[in-house]
Amino acid sequence: MSLQNHPKSKIQNPKFTIGIDLGSNTLRGVKLDCESGVFVAEYEKIVRTADGLVESGRISETAVERIVSGMKEMRESLGFDGAAVRAVTTEAMRRAANRKKVLRRIEEESGIRFEIIDGEEEARLTLLAVQRRLERLGEPADSFVLADIGGGSTELIFRFPHATFSRSFELGIVTLSQEAGSWESVPEVLERKIPPLREYVSDLYARAGRPARFVATAGTPTTVAAMKLGMNYASYDGRRINGTVLRKEELRGALERLLAMSPDERRVAVGVGRDDLIAAGILIFEALYDLLGFDECTVIDDGLREGVALALCER
């Protein structure tokens, strides 16, 4: 492995940085021009990292093959030569009993070493990306709560003018769907998962007060925003998503439209293998409106991968 692909790379003042995020469902990468601050290329592929994880406690062989294939495609798509690269992975790998073996194989076959980051680092990097995007949109970025609804976990990040608080919860769209086993059981399982989030929010509000606004990132919020704007999976454009406002009642409408579609229509709307996950994610998203006490939310497409790339530039 070349030094530029090592997570502790010492490349000074790189022109380009690449941030890679291997989540519980999706592999995402982005290339950033440090001089202009513009993201010049991006890559995304559904690899279903956590498929079967709830039952087995392990990352499956077929999931590893999908990840390795995706990494090879990403290298060609983004162009890694001369760029500083950092690759991170989150909740699925944190949970997996075979994570060391899996990451070693991914490194051997793709040339990229992933590091497992904890919830605190995940929150810090995601917050960095969202703050920068809000600033570019000309919107206030000093007081908000950010919900990052992932495949294996949900991060709640509270940004106040003089302090930041965050907590990662083991509630994600992939793991919720797998634990429920069927769509009919999702609300019941979700209800059992909510009390720790409710207790944390109640305690934090009592100590620090309520932030000024609600912001959300990751696949579920961005997919609902895309549906609102008339986009489907193939026509998705993150630049149009940024700053979209979703009212709580729009989530229920999106869910009803999704459930009323045929299987083929769902694949066109939200992508192959994502329809049940997005449906579960909408229920999580809807619950967060109630927990946090907001009627509307601003959706931001930027997330962990963008934060990784931005942090590399700043370093």
Foldseek 3Di string as FASTA:
>chain_A
DDLLQDQPRPDPQFQKAKFWEDEQFKTKMWIAGLVVRDTDFIDMDTLNQCVCCVPPQAGDPSSLVSVLVRLQVVCVRPPSPRYRYAYEYEDSLVRHPCNVVSQVVSCVRRVHHYDYDYPVVQVVLFLVFLLVLCVVVVHDNQFEWEWEAGAQWIKIWTGHNVDIDIDIFRDHLNVLCVVQVDLVSSVVSVVVRCVVVLVVLVVCCVVPNATDAYAYEDDLLQLLLCVVVVHAPVRRDQVVQAFDKDFLVSLVVVLVVLVPDDPVVNCRHYHPPCSSSSNSVSVVVSVVCVSRVHGMYGYHHGGNRSSSRNVVSVD
